[in-house]
């Protein structure tokens, strides 16, 4: 058996309705062809606008899940930083009763 015979035997022959690359050889009944709508082809000029509004809609729906924890964490951090600065100041040492060196 030669390799060329095995290779050509896997390819569809003339009895097939499609050529090797998928182009139809003959028109068939019951086959529906779809085309792209002309309105869809003009969607590209508005892609920035649609992406911006879609991004805003999606992020605003999920904002509760990251704005509240971030705000809470930042509030704790800011309070701790102020509290530490006060405790290490002269007024903080006097208020706590420790001697200031």
Protein backbone atom coordinates (compact mmCIF):
# COMPACT_ATOMS: atom_id res chain seq x y z
CA UNK A 1 0.00 0.00 0.00
CA UNK A 2 1.47 3.32 -1.03
CA UNK A 3 1.19 6.40 1.21
CA UNK A 4 -0.45 8.44 -1.53
CA UNK A 5 -3.34 5.99 -1.77
CA UNK A 6 -3.94 6.12 1.99
CA UNK A 7 -3.81 9.92 1.98
CA UNK A 8 -6.26 10.34 -0.89
CA UNK A 9 -8.63 7.75 0.52
CA UNK A 10 -9.29 10.01 3.55
CA UNK A 11 -10.29 12.96 1.34
CA UNK A 12 -13.90 13.22 0.29
CA UNK A 13 -14.49 12.25 -3.30
CA UNK A 14 -16.92 13.53 -5.93
CA UNK A 15 -19.82 11.87 -4.12
CA UNK A 16 -19.41 14.32 -1.23
CA UNK A 17 -21.39 17.55 -1.19
CA UNK A 18 -18.49 19.55 0.24
CA UNK A 19 -15.08 20.06 -1.23
CA UNK A 20 -11.95 19.36 0.80
CA UNK A 21 -11.89 22.93 2.22
CA UNK A 22 -15.62 23.12 3.02
CA UNK A 23 -16.84 25.11 0.00
CA UNK A 24 -20.12 23.70 -1.32
CA UNK A 25 -19.88 21.96 -4.67
CA UNK A 26 -23.60 21.87 -5.38
CA UNK A 27 -26.56 23.75 -3.95
CA UNK A 28 -28.46 21.57 -1.48
CA UNK A 29 -32.02 21.72 -0.22
CA UNK A 30 -32.49 22.49 3.45
CA UNK A 31 -29.17 24.31 3.88
CA UNK A 32 -29.58 27.80 5.34
CA UNK A 33 -26.97 30.48 4.72
CA UNK A 34 -26.50 33.27 7.21
CA UNK A 35 -25.05 36.69 6.53
CA UNK A 36 -24.01 39.51 8.81
CA UNK A 37 -26.58 42.25 9.20
CA UNK A 38 -25.53 45.68 7.87
CA UNK A 39 -26.50 47.12 11.27
CA UNK A 40 -24.11 44.74 12.98
CA UNK A 41 -21.22 45.71 10.72
CA UNK A 42 -21.61 49.32 11.83
CA UNK A 43 -21.35 48.42 15.51
CA UNK A 44 -17.63 49.18 15.61
CA UNK A 45 -17.94 53.00 15.86
CA UNK A 46 -19.88 52.61 19.13
CA UNK A 47 -17.73 49.97 20.80
CA UNK A 48 -16.00 52.47 23.12
CA UNK A 49 -19.31 53.88 24.32
CA UNK A 50 -20.82 50.43 24.86
CA UNK A 51 -17.74 49.15 26.69
CA UNK A 52 -17.64 52.19 28.99
CA UNK A 53 -21.30 51.94 29.93
CA UNK A 54 -21.15 48.15 30.29
CA UNK A 55 -18.05 48.47 32.50
CA UNK A 56 -19.80 51.07 34.67
CA UNK A 57 -22.92 48.91 34.96
CA UNK A 58 -20.96 45.80 35.97
CA UNK A 59 -18.62 47.56 38.41
CA UNK A 60 -21.42 49.51 40.09
CA UNK A 61 -23.31 46.27 40.66
CA UNK A 62 -20.27 44.78 42.43
CA UNK A 63 -19.09 48.00 44.16
CA UNK A 64 -20.58 47.01 47.52
CA UNK A 65 -18.25 44.03 47.68
CA UNK A 66 -15.03 46.03 47.33
CA UNK A 67 -15.84 49.64 48.35
CA UNK A 68 -17.06 48.80 51.86
CA UNK A 69 -14.12 46.52 52.79
CA UNK A 70 -11.63 48.99 51.27
CA UNK A 71 -13.23 51.92 53.13
CA UNK A 72 -13.26 49.97 56.39
CA UNK A 73 -9.63 48.94 55.98
CA UNK A 74 -8.52 52.47 55.11
CA UNK A 75 -10.45 53.88 58.08
CA UNK A 76 -8.73 51.45 60.46
CA UNK A 77 -5.33 52.23 58.93
CA UNK A 78 -5.85 56.01 59.19
CA UNK A 79 -7.06 55.72 62.80
CA UNK A 80 -4.09 53.51 63.77
CA UNK A 81 -1.62 55.88 62.16
CA UNK A 82 -3.09 58.91 64.00
CA UNK A 83 -3.25 56.97 67.27
CA UNK A 84 0.36 55.84 66.95
CA UNK A 85 1.53 59.38 66.14
CA UNK A 86 -0.34 60.66 69.21
CA UNK A 87 1.06 57.97 71.51
CA UNK A 88 4.61 58.73 70.38
CA UNK A 89 4.13 62.49 70.81
CA UNK A 90 4.93 64.50 73.95
CA UNK A 91 1.21 64.98 74.66
CA UNK A 92 0.59 61.24 74.37
CA UNK A 93 3.39 60.43 76.76
CA UNK A 94 2.10 62.95 79.28
CA UNK A 95 -1.49 61.64 78.93
CA UNK A 96 -0.42 58.05 79.47
CA UNK A 97 1.68 58.96 82.49
CA UNK A 98 4.95 57.79 80.97
CA UNK A 99 8.01 59.99 81.11
CA UNK A 100 9.01 61.70 77.89
CA UNK A 101 12.71 61.28 77.04
